[in-house]
């Protein structure tokens, strides 16, 4: 009974969040706001049968940029307020909604909307990313934002890899390779898959006698040239299960230098939303604070 007792708080939390998500989706449908559900909630929709098998800290949703203000009004009408010090996280009690109009690895979201797959969450219609895009999104989230490969993301990637060749919602390795290389995420995808292969070998996990990660996939993603520096940092990050802001900052600098500049020197709208009337002072301090955080000084 001990294992069951330990799973109850996680199960209760997930059921609460899924019920909250159903409310959001129903209201968004009434207002004509399209929503793509991301990460844990999406995986619990179509891949993970047990709602207590995967932890969720918050709800991540993607809406079109043109619908951002309308979505924020909807959240306010539902009793959510902007979390202090953020521009996209909204809270109502213990429920947290992370509102996205773009993703770290793909600022142009047009292809995401074209390829999104219908799904039902708690009886309410929604959209989710397809398995290939989900794989890429999880790799980008783990490495670029977390600077590590947390256990939950490693488990997510393992579950996705196990669907390879399984039809509409089965992973297509060729598409994963193409997306990773096209987005400049090859070093991180390779490091994640190497770690996944090692973990699977240790556990003896195989699919019909074949390795979970085919050798040809690792060969296609093997870094070369300028990608080797990012690959070295990515391998270090893949071996970690706790977040590292330093690894995240280095990987961003190597593969998304333009994003780093925009993060150090964001536009006035971001600054005003984030810092309010103190935005001018914080604009001057922000580069130094982020550098100190990357170096572990604060």
Protein backbone atom coordinates (compact mmCIF):
# COMPACT_ATOMS: atom_id res chain seq x y z
CA UNK A 1 0.00 0.00 0.00
CA UNK A 2 2.96 2.34 0.45
CA UNK A 3 3.39 2.91 -3.29
CA UNK A 4 -0.32 3.64 -3.65
CA UNK A 5 -0.23 6.10 -0.74
CA UNK A 6 2.74 7.92 -2.27
CA UNK A 7 0.97 8.26 -5.62
CA UNK A 8 -2.24 9.74 -4.22
CA UNK A 9 -1.03 13.37 -3.81
CA UNK A 10 0.36 13.33 -7.36
CA UNK A 11 -2.83 11.80 -8.74
CA UNK A 12 -4.99 14.30 -6.87
CA UNK A 13 -2.88 17.22 -8.11
CA UNK A 14 -3.05 16.03 -11.71
CA UNK A 15 -6.80 15.48 -11.59
CA UNK A 16 -7.21 18.97 -10.16
CA UNK A 17 -5.08 20.48 -12.93
CA UNK A 18 -6.85 18.50 -15.66
CA UNK A 19 -10.20 19.70 -14.32
CA UNK A 20 -8.86 23.25 -14.33
CA UNK A 21 -7.67 22.78 -17.91
CA UNK A 22 -11.10 21.53 -18.97
CA UNK A 23 -12.62 24.75 -17.59
CA UNK A 24 -10.09 26.85 -19.54
CA UNK A 25 -10.67 24.94 -22.76
CA UNK A 26 -14.45 25.24 -22.46
CA UNK A 27 -14.22 29.01 -21.95
CA UNK A 28 -11.70 29.37 -24.78
CA UNK A 29 -14.04 27.47 -27.11
CA UNK A 30 -16.88 29.85 -26.24
CA UNK A 31 -14.66 32.84 -27.04
CA UNK A 32 -13.22 31.36 -30.24
CA UNK A 33 -9.67 31.10 -28.91
CA UNK A 34 -7.74 28.13 -30.36
CA UNK A 35 -5.51 26.37 -27.83
CA UNK A 36 -2.65 23.89 -28.14
CA UNK A 37 -2.04 22.03 -24.90
CA UNK A 38 1.64 21.34 -24.21
CA UNK A 39 3.91 19.02 -22.24
CA UNK A 40 2.52 16.97 -19.36
CA UNK A 41 -1.18 17.65 -19.82
CA UNK A 42 -0.91 16.85 -23.54
CA UNK A 43 0.91 13.59 -22.86
CA UNK A 44 -1.72 12.60 -20.30
CA UNK A 45 -4.29 13.23 -23.02
CA UNK A 46 -3.01 10.78 -25.62
CA UNK A 47 0.05 8.84 -24.43
CA UNK A 48 0.08 8.25 -20.68
CA UNK A 49 -2.96 6.28 -19.55
CA UNK A 50 -2.40 6.63 -15.81
CA UNK A 51 -3.06 10.25 -14.69
CA UNK A 52 -0.88 9.63 -11.65
CA UNK A 53 2.15 8.46 -13.63
CA UNK A 54 3.57 11.85 -14.63
CA UNK A 55 3.95 14.93 -12.46
CA UNK A 56 2.57 18.29 -13.60
CA UNK A 57 3.61 21.51 -11.92
CA UNK A 58 1.46 23.80 -14.05
CA UNK A 59 -0.55 23.95 -17.25
CA UNK A 60 1.25 25.03 -20.42
CA UNK A 61 -0.92 26.29 -23.27
CA UNK A 62 -0.11 27.91 -26.61
CA UNK A 63 -2.41 30.45 -28.26
CA UNK A 64 -1.91 32.62 -31.37
CA UNK A 65 -0.13 35.91 -30.73
CA UNK A 66 -3.20 37.73 -32.08
CA UNK A 67 -5.27 36.11 -29.29
CA UNK A 68 -2.89 36.83 -26.41
CA UNK A 69 -4.69 39.87 -24.98
CA UNK A 70 -8.07 38.17 -25.36
CA UNK A 71 -6.71 35.10 -23.57
CA UNK A 72 -5.35 37.24 -20.76
CA UNK A 73 -8.79 38.85 -20.39
CA UNK A 74 -10.35 35.39 -20.28
CA UNK A 75 -7.96 34.31 -17.53
CA UNK A 76 -8.73 37.48 -15.57
CA UNK A 77 -12.46 36.81 -15.92
CA UNK A 78 -11.87 33.30 -14.55
CA UNK A 79 -10.11 34.73 -11.50
CA UNK A 80 -6.47 34.42 -12.53
CA UNK A 81 -3.87 37.08 -11.82
CA UNK A 82 -0.41 37.60 -13.29
CA UNK A 83 2.19 35.93 -11.08
CA UNK A 84 4.67 38.44 -9.59
CA UNK A 85 7.83 38.91 -11.63
CA UNK A 86 6.49 37.18 -14.75
CA UNK A 87 4.82 38.19 -17.99
CA UNK A 88 3.14 34.91 -18.94
CA UNK A 89 2.34 32.92 -15.78
CA UNK A 90 -1.13 33.31 -14.30
CA UNK A 91 -2.28 32.03 -10.92
CA UNK A 92 -5.58 31.23 -9.25
CA UNK A 93 -4.94 29.64 -5.91
CA UNK A 94 -2.62 26.70 -6.54
CA UNK A 95 -3.47 26.50 -10.24
CA UNK A 96 -0.80 27.99 -12.50
CA UNK A 97 -1.23 28.57 -16.23
CA UNK A 98 1.87 29.23 -18.35
CA UNK A 99 0.61 31.14 -21.38
CA UNK A 100 2.71 30.91 -24.55
CA UNK A 101 2.38 32.54 -27.94
CA UNK A 102 5.73 31.14 -29.12
CA UNK A 103 8.16 28.49 -27.94
CA UNK A 104 11.83 28.65 -27.04
CA UNK A 105 12.91 26.62 -30.02
CA UNK A 106 10.41 27.88 -32.58
CA UNK A 107 9.39 31.53 -32.51
CA UNK A 108 7.47 31.11 -35.79
CA UNK A 109 4.58 28.91 -34.74
CA UNK A 110 2.78 28.62 -38.09
CA UNK A 111 3.92 25.02 -38.63
CA UNK A 112 2.82 24.08 -35.11
CA UNK A 113 -0.74 25.11 -35.85
CA UNK A 114 -0.72 23.38 -39.25
CA UNK A 115 0.47 20.10 -37.76
CA UNK A 116 -1.46 20.16 -34.46
CA UNK A 117 -3.53 17.06 -33.71
CA UNK A 118 -7.06 17.08 -32.23
CA UNK A 119 -7.40 15.61 -28.76
CA UNK A 120 -10.03 15.34 -26.03
CA UNK A 121 -9.09 16.41 -22.49
CA UNK A 122 -11.64 15.61 -19.82
CA UNK A 123 -14.28 15.57 -22.55
CA UNK A 124 -13.31 18.99 -23.93
CA UNK A 125 -11.80 19.35 -27.41
CA UNK A 126 -8.28 20.70 -27.73
CA UNK A 127 -5.19 20.49 -29.90
CA UNK A 128 -1.82 18.93 -29.07
CA UNK A 129 1.51 18.80 -30.86
CA UNK A 130 2.15 15.67 -32.88
CA UNK A 131 4.63 13.12 -31.46
CA UNK A 132 7.60 14.36 -33.52
CA UNK A 133 7.09 18.01 -32.56
CA UNK A 134 6.44 16.99 -28.96
CA UNK A 135 9.76 15.15 -28.91
CA UNK A 136 11.58 18.24 -30.20
CA UNK A 137 9.72 20.54 -27.81
CA UNK A 138 10.64 18.42 -24.78
CA UNK A 139 14.30 18.31 -25.80
CA UNK A 140 14.35 22.09 -26.25
CA UNK A 141 12.56 22.68 -22.94
CA UNK A 142 14.86 20.35 -21.02
CA UNK A 143 18.14 21.72 -22.39
CA UNK A 144 17.48 25.35 -23.28
CA UNK A 145 15.35 26.22 -20.28
CA UNK A 146 16.50 23.70 -17.69
CA UNK A 147 20.07 23.00 -18.74
CA UNK A 148 19.54 19.35 -17.80
CA UNK A 149 17.51 16.26 -18.59
CA UNK A 150 15.14 15.88 -15.68
CA UNK A 151 13.81 12.42 -14.93
CA UNK A 152 10.29 13.33 -16.05
CA UNK A 153 11.54 14.51 -19.44
CA UNK A 154 13.71 11.43 -19.83
CA UNK A 155 10.61 9.31 -19.12
CA UNK A 156 8.58 11.37 -21.61
CA UNK A 157 11.18 10.82 -24.33
CA UNK A 158 11.29 7.10 -23.52
CA UNK A 159 7.52 6.83 -23.89
CA UNK A 160 7.59 8.74 -27.17
CA UNK A 161 10.43 6.62 -28.55
CA UNK A 162 8.39 3.52 -27.77
CA UNK A 163 5.64 4.72 -30.15
CA UNK A 164 7.98 4.82 -33.19
CA UNK A 165 6.32 3.40 -36.29
CA UNK A 166 2.92 3.36 -34.63
CA UNK A 167 0.83 5.22 -37.21
CA UNK A 168 -0.68 8.71 -36.83
CA UNK A 169 0.44 9.18 -33.23
CA UNK A 170 3.63 7.18 -33.58
CA UNK A 171 7.04 8.80 -33.62
CA UNK A 172 8.67 9.15 -37.03
CA UNK A 173 12.45 9.15 -36.55
CA UNK A 174 13.10 10.73 -39.94
CA UNK A 175 10.87 13.66 -39.08
CA UNK A 176 12.53 14.01 -35.68
CA UNK A 177 15.95 14.11 -37.37
CA UNK A 178 14.78 16.65 -39.93
CA UNK A 179 13.19 18.93 -37.34
CA UNK A 180 16.16 18.75 -34.96
CA UNK A 181 18.70 19.57 -37.66
CA UNK A 182 16.50 22.22 -39.26
CA UNK A 183 16.07 24.03 -35.94
CA UNK A 184 19.72 23.79 -34.96
CA UNK A 185 18.88 21.45 -32.08
CA UNK A 186 20.86 18.47 -33.37
CA UNK A 187 23.49 18.50 -30.56
CA UNK A 188 20.82 18.50 -27.87
CA UNK A 189 18.67 15.86 -29.57
CA UNK A 190 21.77 13.66 -29.98
CA UNK A 191 22.76 14.08 -26.31
CA UNK A 192 19.21 13.31 -25.16
CA UNK A 193 19.00 10.19 -27.33
CA UNK A 194 22.42 8.98 -26.19
CA UNK A 195 21.31 9.33 -22.58
CA UNK A 196 18.03 7.62 -23.39
CA UNK A 197 19.87 4.76 -25.09
CA UNK A 198 22.19 4.34 -22.09
CA UNK A 199 19.30 4.39 -19.64
CA UNK A 200 17.39 1.87 -21.75
CA UNK A 201 20.43 -0.42 -22.01
CA UNK A 202 20.83 -0.36 -18.24
CA UNK A 203 17.16 -1.24 -17.73
CA UNK A 204 17.11 -3.81 -20.54
CA UNK A 205 14.27 -2.00 -22.30
CA UNK A 206 13.95 -3.09 -25.95
CA UNK A 207 11.27 -3.04 -28.60
CA UNK A 208 10.84 -6.37 -30.39
CA UNK A 209 14.47 -7.12 -29.70
CA UNK A 210 15.65 -3.82 -31.23
CA UNK A 211 17.31 -0.90 -29.44
CA UNK A 212 14.93 1.81 -28.27
CA UNK A 213 17.01 4.37 -30.18
CA UNK A 214 18.11 3.10 -33.63
CA UNK A 215 21.82 3.51 -34.40
CA UNK A 216 20.97 5.29 -37.66
CA UNK A 217 19.21 8.05 -35.73
CA UNK A 218 22.21 8.66 -33.51
CA UNK A 219 24.47 8.60 -36.59
CA UNK A 220 22.31 11.15 -38.43
CA UNK A 221 22.35 13.52 -35.46
CA UNK A 222 26.02 13.10 -34.57
CA UNK A 223 27.44 16.62 -34.19
CA UNK A 224 30.27 17.83 -36.35
CA UNK A 225 32.14 21.07 -36.95
CA UNK A 226 30.82 24.04 -35.01
CA UNK A 227 28.15 21.86 -33.39
CA UNK A 228 30.73 20.02 -31.29
CA UNK A 229 30.96 22.79 -28.69
CA UNK A 230 27.21 22.72 -28.13
CA UNK A 231 27.34 18.91 -28.13
CA UNK A 232 29.90 18.89 -25.31
CA UNK A 233 27.73 21.14 -23.12
CA UNK A 234 24.62 19.17 -24.10
CA UNK A 235 26.20 15.89 -22.99
CA UNK A 236 27.03 17.46 -19.63
CA UNK A 237 23.45 18.69 -19.35
CA UNK A 238 22.00 15.29 -20.35
CA UNK A 239 23.79 13.63 -17.44
CA UNK A 240 22.11 15.98 -14.94
CA UNK A 241 18.66 15.45 -13.42
CA UNK A 242 18.53 18.84 -11.68
CA UNK A 243 18.29 22.16 -13.49
CA UNK A 244 21.41 24.15 -14.33
CA UNK A 245 20.95 27.76 -15.33
CA UNK A 246 24.61 27.89 -16.37
CA UNK A 247 24.20 25.06 -18.89
CA UNK A 248 21.02 26.68 -20.15
CA UNK A 249 22.74 30.04 -20.64
CA UNK A 250 25.71 28.49 -22.47
CA UNK A 251 23.52 26.43 -24.79
CA UNK A 252 21.37 29.45 -25.57
CA UNK A 253 24.48 31.46 -26.38
CA UNK A 254 25.78 28.75 -28.71
CA UNK A 255 22.58 27.88 -30.58
CA UNK A 256 20.34 30.94 -30.12
CA UNK A 257 22.62 34.01 -29.82
CA UNK A 258 19.89 36.32 -31.09
CA UNK A 259 17.55 35.11 -28.36
CA UNK A 260 20.22 35.75 -25.72
CA UNK A 261 20.49 39.37 -26.82
CA UNK A 262 16.72 39.81 -26.74
CA UNK A 263 16.66 38.23 -23.27
CA UNK A 264 19.40 40.55 -21.99
CA UNK A 265 17.90 43.62 -23.64
CA UNK A 266 14.14 43.00 -24.07
CA UNK A 267 11.77 45.53 -25.57
CA UNK A 268 9.92 48.16 -23.59
CA UNK A 269 6.61 46.26 -23.60
CA UNK A 270 8.22 43.26 -21.91
CA UNK A 271 10.03 45.45 -19.39
CA UNK A 272 6.89 47.37 -18.42
CA UNK A 273 4.86 44.16 -18.06
CA UNK A 274 7.59 42.50 -16.02
CA UNK A 275 8.80 45.35 -13.82
CA UNK A 276 6.07 47.97 -13.87
CA UNK A 277 7.10 51.51 -13.01
CA UNK A 278 10.65 50.37 -12.19
CA UNK A 279 11.29 49.14 -15.72
CA UNK A 280 13.99 51.70 -16.59
CA UNK A 281 16.11 50.80 -13.59
CA UNK A 282 15.61 47.09 -14.11
CA UNK A 283 16.51 47.41 -17.81
CA UNK A 284 19.97 48.61 -16.74
CA UNK A 285 20.39 45.94 -14.07
CA UNK A 286 18.93 43.01 -16.01
CA UNK A 287 22.09 41.96 -17.98
CA UNK A 288 24.16 41.91 -14.78
CA UNK A 289 21.49 39.98 -12.83
CA UNK A 290 21.16 37.34 -15.53
CA UNK A 291 24.93 36.98 -15.82
CA UNK A 292 25.21 36.60 -12.03
CA UNK A 293 22.49 33.95 -12.08
CA UNK A 294 24.23 32.02 -14.85
CA UNK A 295 27.44 32.03 -12.80
CA UNK A 296 25.62 30.88 -9.69
CA UNK A 297 26.23 34.12 -7.82
CA UNK A 298 22.57 34.69 -6.92
